[in-house]
C-alpha atoms as a PDB file:
ATOM      1  CA  MET A   1     -48.658  74.483 -77.870  1.00  0.00           C
ATOM      2  CA  ASN A   2     -50.613  77.382 -76.382  1.00  0.00           C
ATOM      3  CA  ILE A   3     -48.740  80.689 -76.034  1.00  0.00           C
ATOM      4  CA  GLU A   4     -50.220  83.409 -73.818  1.00  0.00           C
ATOM      5  CA  THR A   5     -49.770  86.818 -75.508  1.00  0.00           C
ATOM      6  CA  THR A   6     -51.848  88.908 -73.096  1.00  0.00           C
ATOM      7  CA  PRO A   7     -50.187  89.505 -69.730  1.00  0.00           C
ATOM      8  CA  GLU A   8     -51.950  89.454 -66.401  1.00  0.00           C
ATOM      9  CA  PRO A   9     -53.022  92.895 -65.002  1.00  0.00           C
ATOM     10  CA  ASP A  10     -50.416  92.607 -62.206  1.00  0.00           C
ATOM     11  CA  ASP A  11     -47.713  92.189 -64.870  1.00  0.00           C
ATOM     12  CA  VAL A  12     -48.917  95.298 -66.719  1.00  0.00           C
ATOM     13  CA  VAL A  13     -48.789  97.539 -63.650  1.00  0.00           C
ATOM     14  CA  GLN A  14     -45.582  95.778 -62.542  1.00  0.00           C
ATOM     15  CA  ALA A  15     -46.959  94.763 -59.167  1.00  0.00           C
ATOM     16  CA  GLU A  16     -44.297  93.200 -56.994  1.00  0.00           C
ATOM     17  CA  TYR A  17     -44.887  90.995 -54.003  1.00  0.00           C
ATOM     18  CA  ILE A  18     -41.573  90.907 -52.204  1.00  0.00           C
ATOM     19  CA  GLU A  19     -40.936  89.468 -48.789  1.00  0.00           C
ATOM     20  CA  ALA A  20     -39.348  91.721 -46.204  1.00  0.00           C
ATOM     21  CA  THR A  21     -36.089  92.976 -47.688  1.00  0.00           C
ATOM     22  CA  ARG A  22     -33.981  96.033 -47.144  1.00  0.00           C
ATOM     23  CA  PRO A  23     -34.129  98.861 -49.670  1.00  0.00           C
ATOM     24  CA  VAL A  24     -31.057  99.437 -51.811  1.00  0.00           C
ATOM     25  CA  ASP A  25     -29.520 102.905 -51.656  1.00  0.00           C
ATOM     26  CA  VAL A  26     -28.879 104.426 -55.082  1.00  0.00           C
ATOM     27  CA  VAL A  27     -26.867 107.559 -55.767  1.00  0.00           C
ATOM     28  CA  VAL A  28     -27.016 109.235 -59.160  1.00  0.00           C
ATOM     29  CA  ARG A  29     -24.129 111.503 -60.076  1.00  0.00           C
ATOM     30  CA  GLY A  30     -24.381 113.657 -63.160  1.00  0.00           C
ATOM     31  CA  PRO A  31     -27.093 113.825 -65.804  1.00  0.00           C
ATOM     32  CA  VAL A  32     -29.298 110.826 -66.458  1.00  0.00           C
ATOM     33  CA  GLN A  33     -30.991 110.151 -69.772  1.00  0.00           C
ATOM     34  CA  THR A  34     -34.432 108.544 -69.734  1.00  0.00           C
ATOM     35  CA  ARG A  35     -36.656 107.420 -72.572  1.00  0.00           C
ATOM     36  CA  GLU A  36     -40.392 106.807 -72.565  1.00  0.00           C
ATOM     37  CA  LEU A  37     -41.389 103.307 -73.590  1.00  0.00           C
ATOM     38  CA  PRO A  38     -43.458 103.159 -76.782  1.00  0.00           C
ATOM     39  CA  ALA A  39     -46.978 101.793 -76.756  1.00  0.00           C
ATOM     40  CA  LYS A  40     -47.338  98.136 -77.767  1.00  0.00           C
ATOM     41  CA  GLY A  41     -50.516  98.723 -79.779  1.00  0.00           C
ATOM     42  CA  ALA A  42     -53.385 101.103 -80.421  1.00  0.00           C
ATOM     43  CA  GLY A  43     -57.117 101.071 -81.091  1.00  0.00           C
ATOM     44  CA  TYR A  44     -59.333 103.608 -82.825  1.00  0.00           C
ATOM     45  CA  LYS A  45     -63.092 104.238 -82.868  1.00  0.00           C
ATOM     46  CA  THR A  46     -65.705 106.931 -83.429  1.00  0.00           C
ATOM     47  CA  ASP A  47     -68.884 107.130 -81.389  1.00  0.00           C
ATOM     48  CA  GLN A  48     -71.459 108.697 -83.711  1.00  0.00           C
ATOM     49  CA  ALA A  49     -74.293 111.083 -82.848  1.00  0.00           C
ATOM     50  CA  VAL A  50     -73.468 111.470 -79.141  1.00  0.00           C
ATOM     51  CA  GLY A  51     -76.390 113.498 -77.776  1.00  0.00           C
ATOM     52  CA  THR A  52     -77.225 115.633 -74.762  1.00  0.00           C
ATOM     53  CA  SER A  53     -79.453 113.235 -72.807  1.00  0.00           C
ATOM     54  CA  VAL A  54     -77.544 109.923 -72.661  1.00  0.00           C
ATOM     55  CA  ALA A  55     -73.790 109.832 -72.005  1.00  0.00           C
ATOM     56  CA  VAL A  56     -71.604 107.403 -73.950  1.00  0.00           C
ATOM     57  CA  LYS A  57     -68.661 105.455 -72.512  1.00  0.00           C
ATOM     58  CA  VAL A  58     -65.824 106.344 -74.917  1.00  0.00           C
ATOM     59  CA  LEU A  59     -63.108 104.602 -72.866  1.00  0.00           C
ATOM     60  CA  PRO A  60     -63.656 101.560 -70.638  1.00  0.00           C
ATOM     61  CA  LEU A  61     -61.689 100.741 -67.481  1.00  0.00           C
ATOM     62  CA  GLU A  62     -58.469  99.385 -69.016  1.00  0.00           C
ATOM     63  CA  PRO A  63     -55.335  98.539 -66.974  1.00  0.00           C
ATOM     64  CA  ARG A  64     -53.326  98.043 -70.190  1.00  0.00           C
ATOM     65  CA  ARG A  65     -53.982 101.608 -71.445  1.00  0.00           C
ATOM     66  CA  LYS A  66     -50.896 103.824 -71.603  1.00  0.00           C
ATOM     67  CA  SER A  67     -52.796 106.878 -72.836  1.00  0.00           C
ATOM     68  CA  ALA A  68     -55.706 107.912 -75.025  1.00  0.00           C
ATOM     69  CA  ILE A  69     -56.887 110.889 -77.032  1.00  0.00           C
ATOM     70  CA  ILE A  70     -60.545 111.945 -77.275  1.00  0.00           C
ATOM     71  CA  ILE A  71     -61.669 114.458 -79.920  1.00  0.00           C
ATOM     72  CA  PRO A  72     -65.248 115.804 -80.047  1.00  0.00           C
ATOM     73  CA  VAL A  73     -65.786 116.650 -83.712  1.00  0.00           C
ATOM     74  CA  SER A  74     -68.421 119.395 -84.013  1.00  0.00           C
ATOM     75  CA  GLN A  75     -69.843 120.262 -80.552  1.00  0.00           C
ATOM     76  CA  ASP A  76     -68.448 120.788 -77.049  1.00  0.00           C
ATOM     77  CA  VAL A  77     -68.840 117.797 -74.714  1.00  0.00           C
ATOM     78  CA  TRP A  78     -69.069 117.121 -70.997  1.00  0.00           C
ATOM     79  CA  ILE A  79     -66.320 114.685 -69.893  1.00  0.00           C
ATOM     80  CA  SER A  80     -66.631 112.668 -66.676  1.00  0.00           C
ATOM     81  CA  ALA A  81     -65.552 109.452 -64.970  1.00  0.00           C
ATOM     82  CA  SER A  82     -69.196 108.328 -64.747  1.00  0.00           C
ATOM     83  CA  GLN A  83     -72.328 108.287 -66.889  1.00  0.00           C
ATOM     84  CA  ALA A  84     -74.281 110.255 -64.282  1.00  0.00           C
ATOM     85  CA  GLY A  85     -71.523 112.850 -64.067  1.00  0.00           C
ATOM     86  CA  ALA A  86     -71.427 113.444 -67.826  1.00  0.00           C
ATOM     87  CA  GLN A  87     -75.228 113.680 -67.996  1.00  0.00           C
ATOM     88  CA  SER A  88     -75.357 116.198 -65.136  1.00  0.00           C
ATOM     89  CA  GLY A  89     -73.281 118.761 -67.041  1.00  0.00           C
ATOM     90  CA  ALA A  90     -71.278 121.323 -65.068  1.00  0.00           C
ATOM     91  CA  ALA A  91     -72.358 119.785 -61.742  1.00  0.00           C
ATOM     92  CA  GLY A  92     -70.420 116.559 -62.397  1.00  0.00           C
ATOM     93  CA  ALA A  93     -68.321 116.950 -65.518  1.00  0.00           C
ATOM     94  CA  MET A  94     -65.741 119.083 -67.280  1.00  0.00           C
ATOM     95  CA  ARG A  95     -66.709 120.969 -70.439  1.00  0.00           C
ATOM     96  CA  TRP A  96     -64.323 120.307 -73.337  1.00  0.00           C
ATOM     97  CA  PRO A  97     -64.339 122.295 -76.603  1.00  0.00           C
ATOM     98  CA  ALA A  98     -65.014 120.772 -80.016  1.00  0.00           C
ATOM     99  CA  ALA A  99     -62.078 119.864 -82.260  1.00  0.00           C
ATOM    100  CA  VAL A 100     -59.558 120.081 -79.388  1.00  0.00           C
ATOM    101  CA  PRO A 101     -57.830 116.787 -78.451  1.00  0.00           C
ATOM    102  CA  TYR A 102     -58.246 115.723 -74.816  1.00  0.00           C
ATOM    103  CA  VAL A 103     -55.369 113.521 -73.580  1.00  0.00           C
ATOM    104  CA  VAL A 104     -56.136 110.791 -71.038  1.00  0.00           C
ATOM    105  CA  ASP A 105     -53.232 109.260 -69.120  1.00  0.00           C
ATOM    106  CA  HIS A 106     -55.098 107.017 -66.680  1.00  0.00           C
ATOM    107  CA  MET A 107     -56.876 103.668 -66.930  1.00  0.00           C
ATOM    108  CA  GLU A 108     -60.324 104.692 -65.605  1.00  0.00           C
ATOM    109  CA  GLU A 109     -63.592 104.901 -67.584  1.00  0.00           C
ATOM    110  CA  VAL A 110     -64.323 108.097 -69.509  1.00  0.00           C
ATOM    111  CA  TRP A 111     -67.889 109.140 -70.386  1.00  0.00           C
ATOM    112  CA  VAL A 112     -68.984 111.981 -72.683  1.00  0.00           C
ATOM    113  CA  CYS A 113     -72.242 113.766 -73.387  1.00  0.00           C
ATOM    114  CA  ALA A 114     -72.797 116.583 -75.913  1.00  0.00           C
ATOM    115  CA  VAL A 115     -73.395 120.057 -74.467  1.00  0.00           C
ATOM    116  CA  THR A 116     -75.825 120.943 -77.290  1.00  0.00           C
ATOM    117  CA  GLY A 117     -77.081 119.028 -80.302  1.00  0.00           C
ATOM    118  CA  THR A 118     -75.155 115.911 -81.296  1.00  0.00           C
ATOM    119  CA  THR A 119     -71.544 115.262 -82.198  1.00  0.00           C
ATOM    120  CA  ASP A 120     -69.267 112.439 -83.240  1.00  0.00           C
ATOM    121  CA  VAL A 121     -66.480 111.666 -80.763  1.00  0.00           C
ATOM    122  CA  GLY A 122     -63.294 110.028 -81.999  1.00  0.00           C
ATOM    123  CA  SER A 123     -60.860 108.226 -79.717  1.00  0.00           C
ATOM    124  CA  GLU A 124     -57.473 106.552 -79.920  1.00  0.00           C
ATOM    125  CA  SER A 125     -56.218 104.261 -77.140  1.00  0.00           C
ATOM    126  CA  ARG A 126     -52.532 103.377 -76.817  1.00  0.00           C
ATOM    127  CA  MET A 127     -51.817 100.165 -74.940  1.00  0.00           C
ATOM    128  CA  TRP A 128     -48.843  98.963 -72.880  1.00  0.00           C
ATOM    129  CA  SER A 129     -49.577  95.375 -73.949  1.00  0.00           C
ATOM    130  CA  GLU A 130     -51.745  93.444 -76.394  1.00  0.00           C
END
């Protein structure tokens, strides 16, 4: 018996393929309480000795990612959605200070490059599914 524990990407993003139907009108009266769903799992890593000349991919493209935190340990870093952007500094990236957590709430790649010297960069990824 083979049990599939990893859902398809369409299931994660809750893609729906519905034939032509009419929308349902909903009316909310009074306060509504909502709760954020918890992450299903998490992963941790530290990229060591991230330098100024070659950017490092700290987060890959990941449809299952709910959120992530990136923390440059001892030096400021350039953060970008591409390797070239991170390596180009202010022209294609955002400068982020050392020891300040950067929260990522999208599923795209994230690249970092040290502004000066080298630094370790820690990251935690929280996943919607396994």
